[in-house]
Amino acid sequence: MAEMHSALFLSAPILCESDIAAEERAKADQSIIQESQQPNHFSKRSRQDSKSSKHTTRTQLSPLAATARTYPSFQTSRYTSSDAQHRHDSMLSTPLPDYKHTANQTNKSRAAARTAKTNRTSSSTSDNSAERRYALQNADPRTARGESLGRSDSHSSTTNSSGITKVTTSDPTSNNEALTRPFAMRNGRRYLRDTSLPYPLPCDLSEIHRQTLRTMLLCQVFQGPTCSRTFQTKPPKRVLEVGCGTGFWSVMCHRHFSQRGFSSISFTGIDIAPLAQRMESDDDMNWRFVQHDLRRQPLPFRDEEFNLIMIKDLSMVTPTTGMQQVLMDEYLRILKPGGTLEIWDGDHSLRMLLPHAPPSTKEDEDDTDNEEQVHTNAMGTYTLTRQTPLAAPHNTYLNDFNTWISKALEARKLTSMPCTSILPMLLQESEDLTEIEFRRLAIPLDEVRWEREGVGQAVTQGSNGNEISTKGKSREEDRRTLTAGQLALRRTALMTVVQMIESLEPLLREASGKDQLEWDSWQGRMMNDLLNQNGTSWGECLEVGAWWARKKNPSP
């Protein structure tokens, strides 16, 4: 784990899973006692008082003290399940790890926390609440024409220093249990209860940890939370993260722009699974969460509402049978003219890099493309182009995995190689999108044999076009000797791959035809080979990509 931290060079801590689990079990026991003693502060609005937000449910967020290791709880006003079952599901809830809180909390923050704690029981639920007004304004205008989006009552409040709102939308004919009790235990792990969803991954702490590592990894290799050059000088005002999960990418994006003096950005996350029950709110992040099933259109947002829409790791959510196009139409509807649509994803099947030298860089140029390639070389990664030589993996276990994951995802109408289809999807929207760009990278999962032989070293060109050897001049660009950071970054990529195989066990075991004993034996040998025997030293790599485009301004 120490290697992972050194690879990512980020200030956000990665919490040890066992420590988090132990701490959360203690907190869960304490929260059950507190829930039985705390009075209900929620008040139900009448139907007439919420016409504009008909079929929309929001939950009250009590302002809690923003102190270390404390998390405000999202509480719902009413559940259809029994109190005992509700407590059981609460204990299954996964908290958002303490990514946003820092140990050196300022005196101002502590004073604000004490004030919030004093005013906890007097949290406002009036019609003048800023979050209530914001959510009412954002209610889809189709509700006025009788197209229902959710329930009829809503509640909201703010914490002392940040605007955090939770909105729930549901179809009146849908099963309320999927909203009030969205998770179920299967195969010893927590999954979404709705079995009609194609999403195959669990929603427990281990999987959240893997996805967090992957997000941090991508932010590192892409030099930030966004790739679009539009935001280098002018940040977006309203940001939507689709399939947000815990909202960690939004947190990273907020921190990125806050460090550059831009702290008034409004972030919205949408996901079918409710946000983690506790979310630290000790800074000024303006965050709104919308619980919504992406299979139901239209999305509950106004036309041209957002300046940036981020779609990250959604290839296991959206089937290839038309849903992707329907969602693309919705993204274009809610994106402002001049706004940016950005997509991050990675292939689930793995390939192997063949010996080649990375693209050359010019030492006396500082254009964006050259800077990106310099950074790519410094990270020990490879830019993927049409000329990049790739082949099936040499590793037997990864070949097995490729066969099973392709078969399993195809049965769910999902693709195992989404990076090949995203660019064509954007290009076919050329009537509405312009400045379509992309970056695709291959992250080797280990030291590569042909790198050590000197084949994969970078080449730098001088101003006269002559090639300059990197031997003895730049240790970061000479792939024969990787830095500790480059090795740790590759180790992190390998860990996310191994953890994904673990998370997909039920799916892969079914596709392989193995029983539990056979699977356990295969998995044990696979992990030993990949983690201890340098099983990916032939060039096996994780392929990731970022694609972005700008929405055209309307013609005069």
Protein backbone atom coordinates (compact mmCIF):
# COMPACT_ATOMS: atom_id res chain seq x y z
CA MET A 1 0.00 0.00 0.00
CA ALA A 2 2.91 2.31 0.65
CA GLU A 3 3.84 1.92 -3.00
CA MET A 4 0.37 3.02 -4.06
CA HIS A 5 0.63 6.22 -2.08
CA SER A 6 4.02 7.08 -3.52
CA ALA A 7 2.73 6.45 -7.03
CA LEU A 8 -0.22 8.74 -6.92
CA PHE A 9 1.39 11.81 -5.30
CA LEU A 10 -2.00 12.93 -4.05
CA SER A 11 -2.93 14.32 -0.68
CA ALA A 12 -6.14 12.30 -0.36
CA PRO A 13 -5.46 9.44 2.09
CA ILE A 14 -6.32 5.84 1.24
CA LEU A 15 -7.72 4.26 4.33
CA CYS A 16 -6.88 0.71 5.25
CA GLU A 17 -9.92 -1.44 4.61
CA SER A 18 -9.64 -3.35 7.87
CA ASP A 19 -9.29 -0.12 9.88
CA ILE A 20 -12.30 1.38 8.18
CA ALA A 21 -14.36 -1.75 8.68
CA ALA A 22 -13.53 -1.93 12.39
CA GLU A 23 -14.20 1.75 12.89
CA GLU A 24 -17.47 1.63 10.97
CA ARG A 25 -18.74 -1.39 12.92
CA ALA A 26 -18.22 0.56 16.13
CA LYS A 27 -19.92 3.61 14.65
CA ALA A 28 -22.80 1.51 13.34
CA ASP A 29 -23.46 0.08 16.81
CA GLN A 30 -23.40 3.55 18.30
CA SER A 31 -25.62 4.99 15.55
CA ILE A 32 -28.32 2.37 16.19
CA ILE A 33 -28.51 3.46 19.83
CA GLN A 34 -28.57 7.12 18.85
CA GLU A 35 -31.28 6.58 16.23
CA SER A 36 -33.58 5.08 18.83
CA GLN A 37 -33.08 8.12 21.07
CA GLN A 38 -33.08 10.98 18.58
CA PRO A 39 -36.36 12.75 17.82
CA ASN A 40 -37.55 13.02 14.22
CA HIS A 41 -36.86 16.53 12.92
CA PHE A 42 -38.56 16.07 9.59
CA SER A 43 -41.85 17.66 8.63
CA LYS A 44 -43.88 16.47 5.67
CA ARG A 45 -44.95 19.05 3.14
CA SER A 46 -48.43 19.07 1.75
CA ARG A 47 -49.08 18.12 -1.88
CA GLN A 48 -50.23 21.62 -2.72
CA ASP A 49 -47.08 23.15 -1.25
CA SER A 50 -44.86 21.08 -3.54
CA LYS A 51 -46.56 21.10 -6.93
CA SER A 52 -43.45 22.22 -8.72
CA SER A 53 -41.51 19.36 -7.14
CA LYS A 54 -44.19 16.72 -7.53
CA HIS A 55 -42.81 13.18 -7.55
CA THR A 56 -39.49 14.36 -6.05
CA THR A 57 -38.21 13.26 -2.67
CA ARG A 58 -35.34 14.90 -0.85
CA THR A 59 -33.97 13.95 2.51
CA GLN A 60 -33.04 16.13 5.45
CA LEU A 61 -29.37 16.49 6.24
CA SER A 62 -28.67 17.48 9.80
CA PRO A 63 -25.73 19.88 10.14
CA LEU A 64 -23.14 18.02 12.14
CA ALA A 65 -19.83 19.22 13.45
CA ALA A 66 -17.09 19.10 10.83
CA THR A 67 -14.58 17.37 13.08
CA ALA A 68 -12.13 14.64 12.25
CA ARG A 69 -13.58 11.14 11.86
CA THR A 70 -17.21 12.28 12.07
CA TYR A 71 -19.64 11.99 9.20
CA PRO A 72 -23.02 13.70 8.73
CA SER A 73 -25.80 11.17 8.19
CA PHE A 74 -28.34 11.35 5.39
CA GLN A 75 -31.66 10.43 6.99
CA THR A 76 -34.88 9.70 5.15
CA SER A 77 -38.18 10.90 6.47
CA ARG A 78 -40.06 7.64 6.06
CA TYR A 79 -39.41 4.03 5.18
CA THR A 80 -41.83 1.32 4.17
CA SER A 81 -39.67 -1.44 5.66
CA SER A 82 -39.58 -2.36 9.31
CA ASP A 83 -37.30 -0.56 11.75
CA ALA A 84 -35.26 -3.69 12.29
CA GLN A 85 -34.65 -4.16 8.57
CA HIS A 86 -33.78 -0.48 8.22
CA ARG A 87 -31.16 -0.83 10.95
CA HIS A 88 -29.78 -3.90 9.21
CA ASP A 89 -29.40 -2.01 5.92
CA SER A 90 -27.85 0.93 7.75
CA MET A 91 -25.12 -1.33 9.05
CA LEU A 92 -24.49 -2.50 5.48
CA SER A 93 -24.09 1.09 4.30
CA THR A 94 -20.61 2.02 3.17
CA PRO A 95 -19.32 5.40 4.34
CA LEU A 96 -17.52 7.79 2.08
CA PRO A 97 -13.94 7.58 3.35
CA ASP A 98 -12.45 10.68 4.86
CA TYR A 99 -10.96 11.98 1.60
CA LYS A 100 -11.84 15.63 2.20
CA HIS A 101 -10.88 16.12 5.82
CA THR A 102 -7.34 17.13 6.74
CA ALA A 103 -5.60 16.73 10.05
CA ASN A 104 -4.59 20.38 10.23
CA GLN A 105 -8.11 21.71 10.46
CA THR A 106 -8.12 25.47 10.89
CA ASN A 107 -9.38 27.28 13.98
CA LYS A 108 -12.06 28.85 11.80
CA SER A 109 -13.28 25.41 10.77
CA ARG A 110 -13.34 24.23 14.38
CA ALA A 111 -15.33 27.27 15.42
CA ALA A 112 -17.77 26.70 12.58
CA ALA A 113 -18.08 23.07 13.61
CA ARG A 114 -18.93 24.02 17.19
CA THR A 115 -21.56 26.45 15.92
CA ALA A 116 -23.04 23.76 13.69
CA LYS A 117 -23.18 21.32 16.60
CA THR A 118 -25.00 23.87 18.76
CA ASN A 119 -27.56 24.50 16.04
CA ARG A 120 -28.01 20.85 15.09
CA THR A 121 -31.54 20.51 16.40
CA SER A 122 -32.70 23.76 14.83
CA SER A 123 -31.95 22.78 11.24
CA SER A 124 -34.13 24.72 8.85
CA THR A 125 -36.78 23.01 6.70
CA SER A 126 -38.60 26.14 5.59
CA ASP A 127 -39.61 26.98 2.04
CA ASN A 128 -36.81 29.56 1.97
CA SER A 129 -34.10 26.88 2.24
CA ALA A 130 -31.52 27.45 -0.48
CA GLU A 131 -31.34 23.76 -1.33
CA ARG A 132 -35.13 23.47 -1.47
CA ARG A 133 -35.39 26.41 -3.84
CA TYR A 134 -32.55 25.02 -5.96
CA ALA A 135 -34.08 21.57 -6.27
CA LEU A 136 -37.53 23.03 -7.01
CA GLN A 137 -36.04 25.18 -9.74
CA ASN A 138 -34.26 22.16 -11.18
CA ALA A 139 -37.37 20.00 -11.25
CA ASP A 140 -37.87 18.87 -14.83
CA PRO A 141 -40.52 21.00 -16.58
CA ARG A 142 -42.13 17.82 -17.89
CA THR A 143 -43.70 17.32 -14.49
CA ALA A 144 -46.04 20.18 -15.32
CA ARG A 145 -47.34 18.09 -18.22
CA GLY A 146 -48.01 15.11 -15.98
CA GLU A 147 -44.82 13.15 -16.66
CA SER A 148 -44.02 12.09 -13.13
CA LEU A 149 -40.44 11.86 -11.96
CA GLY A 150 -40.73 10.70 -8.39
CA ARG A 151 -42.53 11.00 -5.09
CA SER A 152 -44.58 13.95 -4.00
CA ASP A 153 -42.90 15.19 -0.84
CA SER A 154 -39.40 16.49 -0.26
CA HIS A 155 -37.20 17.64 2.59
CA SER A 156 -33.86 19.40 2.61
CA SER A 157 -31.51 21.37 4.78
CA THR A 158 -27.94 22.63 4.66
CA THR A 159 -24.87 22.08 6.75
CA ASN A 160 -23.16 25.10 8.23
CA SER A 161 -20.49 25.49 5.55
CA SER A 162 -21.48 23.61 2.43
CA GLY A 163 -24.60 23.11 0.39
CA ILE A 164 -25.34 19.38 0.39
CA THR A 165 -28.69 18.27 -0.96
CA LYS A 166 -30.02 14.80 -1.59
CA VAL A 167 -32.82 14.33 -4.12
CA THR A 168 -34.57 11.05 -4.83
CA THR A 169 -36.60 10.45 -7.96
CA SER A 170 -38.71 7.39 -8.53
CA ASP A 171 -41.47 6.15 -10.74
CA PRO A 172 -44.82 5.79 -8.90
CA THR A 173 -45.16 2.27 -10.28
CA SER A 174 -41.66 1.22 -9.26
CA ASN A 175 -40.84 -0.92 -6.25
CA ASN A 176 -40.21 1.42 -3.32
CA GLU A 177 -38.07 -1.26 -1.69
CA ALA A 178 -35.39 -0.65 -4.34
CA LEU A 179 -35.11 2.94 -3.08
CA THR A 180 -35.51 2.51 0.66
CA ARG A 181 -33.49 -0.74 0.79
CA PRO A 182 -31.33 -0.58 -2.35
CA PHE A 183 -28.78 -3.22 -1.33
CA ALA A 184 -28.85 -6.97 -0.80
CA MET A 185 -26.18 -9.43 0.32
CA ARG A 186 -25.21 -12.06 -2.25
CA ASN A 187 -22.16 -14.32 -2.26
CA GLY A 188 -20.94 -12.61 0.90
CA ARG A 189 -20.84 -9.14 -0.71
CA ARG A 190 -23.25 -6.24 -1.04
CA TYR A 191 -24.95 -5.70 -4.41
CA LEU A 192 -27.76 -3.58 -5.78
CA ARG A 193 -31.05 -5.28 -4.95
CA ASP A 194 -32.55 -4.74 -8.44
CA THR A 195 -31.50 -7.84 -10.38
CA SER A 196 -32.76 -6.38 -13.67
CA LEU A 197 -29.78 -4.02 -13.75
CA PRO A 198 -26.87 -5.15 -15.94
CA TYR A 199 -24.31 -3.71 -13.50
CA PRO A 200 -22.26 -6.71 -12.29
CA LEU A 201 -20.04 -5.18 -9.61
CA PRO A 202 -20.74 -5.10 -5.85
CA CYS A 203 -21.32 -1.86 -3.92
CA ASP A 204 -19.31 -2.60 -0.80
CA LEU A 205 -16.26 -1.04 0.78
CA SER A 206 -13.75 -3.19 -1.12
CA GLU A 207 -15.18 -2.20 -4.50
CA ILE A 208 -15.44 1.47 -3.51
CA HIS A 209 -11.78 1.32 -2.51
CA ARG A 210 -10.86 -0.16 -5.91
CA GLN A 211 -12.82 2.48 -7.80
CA THR A 212 -11.22 5.21 -5.70
CA LEU A 213 -7.76 3.87 -6.55
CA ARG A 214 -8.68 3.79 -10.23
CA THR A 215 -9.93 7.40 -10.11
CA MET A 216 -6.74 8.57 -8.40
CA LEU A 217 -4.69 6.63 -10.93
CA LEU A 218 -6.45 8.27 -13.88
CA CYS A 219 -6.17 11.73 -12.34
CA GLN A 220 -2.45 11.11 -12.05
CA VAL A 221 -1.80 9.92 -15.60
CA PHE A 222 -4.14 12.55 -17.11
CA GLN A 223 -2.61 15.37 -15.02
CA GLY A 224 -5.84 16.31 -13.28
CA PRO A 225 -9.56 15.54 -13.01
CA THR A 226 -10.34 16.88 -16.51
CA CYS A 227 -8.54 16.64 -19.83
CA SER A 228 -10.39 19.36 -21.72
CA ARG A 229 -8.17 22.35 -22.34
CA THR A 230 -11.20 24.63 -22.03
CA PHE A 231 -10.89 24.60 -18.25
CA GLN A 232 -7.22 25.49 -18.03
CA THR A 233 -8.14 29.18 -17.77
CA LYS A 234 -11.91 29.20 -17.22
CA PRO A 235 -13.46 26.62 -14.87
CA PRO A 236 -17.02 25.32 -15.31
CA LYS A 237 -19.80 26.80 -13.18
CA ARG A 238 -22.08 23.76 -13.00
CA VAL A 239 -20.73 20.21 -13.12
CA LEU A 240 -22.64 16.92 -13.40
CA GLU A 241 -20.99 13.59 -12.56
CA VAL A 242 -22.98 10.70 -14.06
CA GLY A 243 -22.82 7.44 -12.09
CA CYS A 244 -21.07 9.31 -9.29
CA GLY A 245 -20.96 6.55 -6.67
CA THR A 246 -19.39 8.19 -3.62
CA GLY A 247 -18.74 11.42 -5.52
CA PHE A 248 -14.98 11.04 -5.17
CA TRP A 249 -14.21 12.39 -8.65
CA SER A 250 -16.27 15.50 -7.84
CA VAL A 251 -14.26 15.94 -4.64
CA MET A 252 -11.02 15.71 -6.62
CA CYS A 253 -12.34 18.17 -9.20
CA HIS A 254 -13.43 20.60 -6.47
CA ARG A 255 -10.01 20.45 -4.81
CA HIS A 256 -8.26 20.89 -8.16
CA PHE A 257 -10.09 24.12 -8.97
CA SER A 258 -10.11 25.38 -5.36
CA GLN A 259 -6.32 25.25 -5.32
CA ARG A 260 -6.43 27.56 -8.33
CA GLY A 261 -8.75 30.04 -6.65
CA PHE A 262 -12.08 28.80 -8.06
CA SER A 263 -14.34 27.63 -5.22
CA SER A 264 -17.84 28.62 -6.37
CA ILE A 265 -18.44 25.65 -8.67
CA SER A 266 -21.71 23.75 -8.21
CA PHE A 267 -21.38 19.95 -8.35
CA THR A 268 -24.24 17.50 -8.93
CA GLY A 269 -23.98 13.71 -8.80
CA ILE A 270 -26.53 11.25 -10.14
CA ASP A 271 -26.60 7.52 -9.39
CA ILE A 272 -29.14 4.76 -8.89
CA ALA A 273 -27.45 3.79 -5.61
CA PRO A 274 -27.75 6.30 -2.77
CA LEU A 275 -24.67 8.24 -1.87
CA ALA A 276 -22.69 6.88 1.07
CA GLN A 277 -24.66 7.48 4.24
CA ARG A 278 -22.03 9.80 5.68
CA MET A 279 -20.17 12.51 3.82
CA GLU A 280 -17.64 14.92 5.28
CA SER A 281 -18.58 18.55 4.61
CA ASP A 282 -15.91 20.63 6.30
CA ASP A 283 -15.20 22.83 3.28
CA ASP A 284 -17.18 25.02 0.93
CA MET A 285 -18.02 22.40 -1.70
CA ASN A 286 -21.47 22.94 -3.21
CA TRP A 287 -22.72 19.38 -3.69
CA ARG A 288 -26.10 17.96 -4.69
CA PHE A 289 -26.92 14.27 -5.05
CA VAL A 290 -29.78 12.93 -7.17
CA GLN A 291 -30.81 9.29 -6.81
CA HIS A 292 -32.17 8.28 -10.18
CA ASP A 293 -32.28 5.26 -12.49
CA LEU A 294 -30.55 6.20 -15.76
CA ARG A 295 -32.84 3.78 -17.59
CA ARG A 296 -35.66 6.27 -17.03
CA GLN A 297 -35.64 9.29 -19.28
CA PRO A 298 -35.78 12.21 -19.30
CA LEU A 299 -33.12 12.84 -16.68
CA PRO A 300 -34.41 15.13 -13.89
CA PHE A 301 -32.53 18.23 -15.02
CA ARG A 302 -33.36 21.39 -16.94
CA ASP A 303 -32.35 21.95 -20.55
CA GLU A 304 -28.85 23.42 -20.86
CA GLU A 305 -28.20 23.26 -17.10
CA PHE A 306 -24.54 22.14 -16.93
CA ASN A 307 -21.23 23.47 -18.24
CA LEU A 308 -19.42 20.15 -17.77
CA ILE A 309 -20.81 16.61 -17.82
CA MET A 310 -18.40 13.87 -16.71
CA ILE A 311 -19.25 10.26 -17.59
CA LYS A 312 -16.69 8.03 -15.88
CA ASP A 313 -16.52 4.22 -15.90
CA LEU A 314 -20.09 3.80 -17.13
CA SER A 315 -19.42 0.98 -19.60
CA MET A 316 -20.70 -1.64 -17.13
CA VAL A 317 -23.89 0.37 -16.60
CA THR A 318 -25.14 1.18 -20.10
CA PRO A 319 -25.97 -1.72 -22.46
CA THR A 320 -25.00 -1.46 -26.10
CA THR A 321 -28.62 -1.97 -27.23
CA GLY A 322 -29.61 1.67 -27.70
CA MET A 323 -29.38 3.00 -24.15
CA GLN A 324 -26.07 4.69 -24.89
CA GLN A 325 -27.63 6.73 -27.69
CA VAL A 326 -30.65 7.65 -25.56
CA LEU A 327 -28.36 8.88 -22.80
CA MET A 328 -26.20 10.78 -25.29
CA ASP A 329 -29.31 12.64 -26.44
CA GLU A 330 -30.04 13.51 -22.81
CA TYR A 331 -26.48 14.70 -22.19
CA LEU A 332 -26.74 17.03 -25.17
CA ARG A 333 -30.09 18.32 -23.93
CA ILE A 334 -28.85 19.29 -20.46
CA LEU A 335 -25.43 20.56 -21.62
CA LYS A 336 -25.09 24.29 -22.18
CA PRO A 337 -23.93 25.54 -25.60
CA GLY A 338 -20.17 25.86 -25.32
CA GLY A 339 -20.17 23.30 -22.48
CA THR A 340 -17.96 20.22 -22.40
CA LEU A 341 -18.86 16.55 -22.43
CA GLU A 342 -16.04 14.36 -21.09
CA ILE A 343 -15.89 10.56 -20.90
CA TRP A 344 -13.34 8.46 -19.00
CA ASP A 345 -13.25 4.67 -19.22
CA GLY A 346 -11.00 1.66 -19.56
CA ASP A 347 -11.08 -1.68 -21.33
CA HIS A 348 -12.02 -4.69 -19.22
CA SER A 349 -10.21 -7.19 -21.44
CA LEU A 350 -6.44 -6.93 -21.20
CA ARG A 351 -3.85 -6.87 -23.97
CA MET A 352 -0.07 -6.94 -24.15
CA LEU A 353 2.22 -4.18 -25.42
CA LEU A 354 4.78 -5.36 -27.95
CA PRO A 355 8.29 -3.85 -28.08
CA HIS A 356 8.30 -0.31 -29.42
CA ALA A 357 9.58 3.15 -28.54
CA PRO A 358 7.10 5.79 -27.31
CA PRO A 359 6.43 8.86 -29.48
CA SER A 360 9.27 11.36 -29.52
CA THR A 361 9.26 14.68 -27.69
CA LYS A 362 11.01 17.95 -28.50
CA GLU A 363 13.07 19.44 -25.72
CA ASP A 364 12.66 23.05 -26.88
CA GLU A 365 8.89 23.06 -27.38
CA ASP A 366 6.25 23.62 -24.73
CA ASP A 367 3.03 23.09 -26.71
CA THR A 368 0.25 21.11 -25.06
CA ASP A 369 0.73 17.92 -27.08
CA ASN A 370 4.44 17.87 -26.32
CA GLU A 371 3.81 18.51 -22.62
CA GLU A 372 1.30 15.64 -22.50
CA GLN A 373 3.80 13.25 -24.06
CA VAL A 374 6.54 14.38 -21.69
CA HIS A 375 4.21 13.68 -18.76
CA THR A 376 3.23 10.31 -20.23
CA ASN A 377 6.89 9.34 -20.52
CA ALA A 378 7.57 10.57 -16.99
CA MET A 379 4.78 8.37 -15.64
CA GLY A 380 6.20 5.30 -17.36
CA THR A 381 3.04 4.90 -19.44
CA TYR A 382 2.56 4.66 -23.21
CA THR A 383 0.42 6.70 -25.59
CA LEU A 384 -1.84 4.46 -27.67
CA THR A 385 -2.09 5.24 -31.37
CA ARG A 386 -3.11 3.24 -34.42
CA GLN A 387 0.52 2.26 -34.81
CA THR A 388 0.96 0.94 -31.26
CA PRO A 389 1.67 -2.81 -31.48
CA LEU A 390 -0.60 -4.87 -29.21
CA ALA A 391 -1.34 -8.57 -28.88
CA ALA A 392 -3.21 -11.02 -26.68
CA PRO A 393 -1.63 -11.37 -23.23
CA HIS A 394 1.12 -13.90 -22.71
CA ASN A 395 -0.15 -14.67 -19.20
CA THR A 396 -2.38 -17.75 -19.09
CA TYR A 397 -4.56 -16.49 -16.26
CA LEU A 398 -5.26 -13.19 -18.01
CA ASN A 399 -6.18 -15.11 -21.17
CA ASP A 400 -8.68 -17.10 -19.09
CA PHE A 401 -10.03 -13.88 -17.62
CA ASN A 402 -10.44 -12.31 -21.07
CA THR A 403 -12.44 -15.29 -22.30
CA TRP A 404 -14.77 -15.30 -19.30
CA ILE A 405 -15.30 -11.55 -18.99
CA SER A 406 -16.13 -11.21 -22.69
CA LYS A 407 -18.65 -14.05 -22.45
CA ALA A 408 -20.22 -12.76 -19.24
CA LEU A 409 -20.54 -9.13 -20.36
CA GLU A 410 -21.89 -10.11 -23.76
CA ALA A 411 -24.69 -12.00 -21.99
CA ARG A 412 -25.60 -8.73 -20.25
CA LYS A 413 -25.33 -6.78 -23.52
CA LEU A 414 -22.25 -4.96 -22.25
CA THR A 415 -18.91 -4.54 -24.00
CA SER A 416 -15.56 -5.66 -22.65
CA MET A 417 -13.64 -3.10 -24.76
CA PRO A 418 -15.49 0.24 -24.50
CA CYS A 419 -12.45 2.29 -25.56
CA THR A 420 -13.00 1.22 -29.16
CA SER A 421 -16.57 2.55 -29.36
CA ILE A 422 -16.52 5.91 -27.53
CA LEU A 423 -14.84 7.98 -30.25
CA PRO A 424 -17.24 6.80 -33.02
CA MET A 425 -20.15 7.59 -30.71
CA LEU A 426 -18.94 11.18 -30.33
CA LEU A 427 -18.13 11.59 -34.02
CA GLN A 428 -21.67 10.67 -35.03
CA GLU A 429 -22.87 13.64 -32.97
CA SER A 430 -20.83 16.07 -35.08
CA GLU A 431 -23.93 18.17 -35.76
CA ASP A 432 -23.99 19.12 -32.08
CA LEU A 433 -20.39 18.55 -30.96
CA THR A 434 -17.14 20.12 -32.05
CA GLU A 435 -13.47 20.03 -30.99
CA ILE A 436 -13.65 16.28 -30.40
CA GLU A 437 -10.37 15.10 -28.87
CA PHE A 438 -9.10 12.11 -26.94
CA ARG A 439 -6.14 10.55 -25.12
CA ARG A 440 -5.59 6.83 -24.83
CA LEU A 441 -2.89 5.38 -22.61
CA ALA A 442 -1.51 1.94 -21.83
CA ILE A 443 -0.31 1.43 -18.27
CA PRO A 444 1.98 -1.62 -18.01
CA LEU A 445 1.21 -3.76 -14.99
CA ASP A 446 4.86 -4.44 -14.13
CA GLU A 447 8.42 -3.95 -15.31
CA VAL A 448 8.49 -5.11 -18.91
CA ARG A 449 11.23 -7.43 -20.13
CA TRP A 450 11.86 -5.59 -23.40
CA GLU A 451 12.07 -2.28 -21.52
CA ARG A 452 14.97 -3.63 -19.48
CA GLU A 453 16.67 -4.53 -22.74
CA GLY A 454 16.52 -0.88 -23.82
CA VAL A 455 13.82 -1.21 -26.48
CA GLY A 456 11.22 1.03 -24.87
CA GLN A 457 13.26 4.09 -24.00
CA ALA A 458 11.91 7.46 -25.06
CA VAL A 459 13.51 9.54 -27.79
CA THR A 460 13.94 13.30 -27.58
CA GLN A 461 14.44 15.51 -30.61
CA GLY A 462 16.46 18.69 -30.64
CA SER A 463 15.52 21.84 -32.52
CA ASN A 464 17.40 20.61 -35.59
CA GLY A 465 15.36 17.42 -35.70
CA ASN A 466 18.26 15.18 -34.71
CA GLU A 467 17.44 12.47 -32.21
CA ILE A 468 19.04 12.82 -28.79
CA SER A 469 19.67 9.61 -26.86
CA THR A 470 18.24 9.57 -23.36
CA LYS A 471 20.90 7.20 -22.09
CA GLY A 472 22.48 8.67 -18.98
CA LYS A 473 20.58 11.96 -19.32
CA SER A 474 17.08 11.42 -17.99
CA ARG A 475 16.33 8.56 -15.68
CA GLU A 476 12.59 9.19 -15.95
CA GLU A 477 12.61 8.78 -19.72
CA ASP A 478 14.91 5.75 -19.81
CA ARG A 479 12.51 2.81 -19.36
CA ARG A 480 15.36 0.42 -18.54
CA THR A 481 15.47 1.83 -15.02
CA LEU A 482 12.04 2.77 -13.69
CA THR A 483 11.70 5.17 -10.79
CA ALA A 484 10.02 4.15 -7.54
CA GLY A 485 7.03 6.28 -8.51
CA GLN A 486 6.67 4.63 -11.91
CA LEU A 487 6.89 1.17 -10.36
CA ALA A 488 4.32 2.05 -7.72
CA LEU A 489 1.95 3.49 -10.32
CA ARG A 490 2.13 0.25 -12.30
CA ARG A 491 1.63 -1.75 -9.11
CA THR A 492 -1.48 0.30 -8.38
CA ALA A 493 -2.85 -0.45 -11.85
CA LEU A 494 -2.19 -4.17 -11.28
CA MET A 495 -3.94 -4.06 -7.90
CA THR A 496 -7.07 -2.52 -9.45
CA VAL A 497 -7.11 -5.30 -12.06
CA VAL A 498 -6.75 -8.07 -9.46
CA GLN A 499 -9.40 -6.47 -7.27
CA MET A 500 -11.77 -6.22 -10.23
CA ILE A 501 -11.35 -9.94 -10.89
CA GLU A 502 -12.22 -10.57 -7.23
CA SER A 503 -15.28 -8.30 -7.47
CA LEU A 504 -16.49 -10.11 -10.59
CA GLU A 505 -16.14 -13.58 -9.05
CA PRO A 506 -19.82 -14.68 -9.34
CA LEU A 507 -19.96 -13.55 -12.97
CA LEU A 508 -16.63 -15.11 -13.94
CA ARG A 509 -17.25 -18.33 -12.04
CA GLU A 510 -20.52 -18.83 -13.90
CA ALA A 511 -18.91 -18.08 -17.28
CA SER A 512 -16.02 -20.45 -16.54
CA GLY A 513 -18.24 -23.31 -15.41
CA LYS A 514 -16.10 -23.84 -12.31
CA ASP A 515 -17.50 -24.81 -8.92
CA GLN A 516 -16.46 -22.92 -5.80
CA LEU A 517 -13.47 -25.14 -4.99
CA GLU A 518 -12.17 -25.01 -8.54
CA TRP A 519 -12.59 -21.24 -8.64
CA ASP A 520 -10.80 -20.73 -5.32
CA SER A 521 -7.90 -22.82 -6.57
CA TRP A 522 -7.69 -20.88 -9.86
CA GLN A 523 -7.93 -17.52 -8.12
CA GLY A 524 -5.20 -18.41 -5.63
CA ARG A 525 -2.81 -19.44 -8.39
CA MET A 526 -3.71 -16.35 -10.43
CA MET A 527 -3.02 -13.94 -7.57
CA ASN A 528 0.27 -15.62 -6.73
CA ASP A 529 1.38 -15.47 -10.36
CA LEU A 530 0.42 -11.82 -10.92
CA LEU A 531 1.47 -10.41 -7.56
CA ASN A 532 4.46 -12.54 -6.59
CA GLN A 533 5.84 -14.19 -9.74
CA ASN A 534 6.02 -11.18 -12.11
CA GLY A 535 3.36 -12.73 -14.28
CA THR A 536 2.73 -9.50 -16.18
CA SER A 537 6.35 -8.80 -17.16
CA TRP A 538 5.70 -9.56 -20.83
CA GLY A 539 3.93 -6.24 -21.39
CA GLU A 540 0.37 -6.88 -20.18
CA CYS A 541 -1.23 -3.50 -19.64
CA LEU A 542 -4.33 -1.62 -18.53
CA GLU A 543 -5.79 0.44 -21.38
CA VAL A 544 -7.57 3.64 -20.35
CA GLY A 545 -8.81 6.66 -22.22
CA ALA A 546 -10.37 10.11 -22.00
CA TRP A 547 -12.58 11.64 -24.68
CA TRP A 548 -14.01 15.14 -24.68
CA ALA A 549 -15.93 17.49 -26.95
CA ARG A 550 -17.58 20.89 -26.82
CA LYS A 551 -21.24 21.52 -27.62
CA LYS A 552 -21.69 23.90 -30.52
CA ASN A 553 -23.25 27.29 -29.98
CA PRO A 554 -26.58 27.72 -31.80
CA SER A 555 -26.39 29.19 -35.27
CA PRO A 556 -27.41 32.87 -35.43
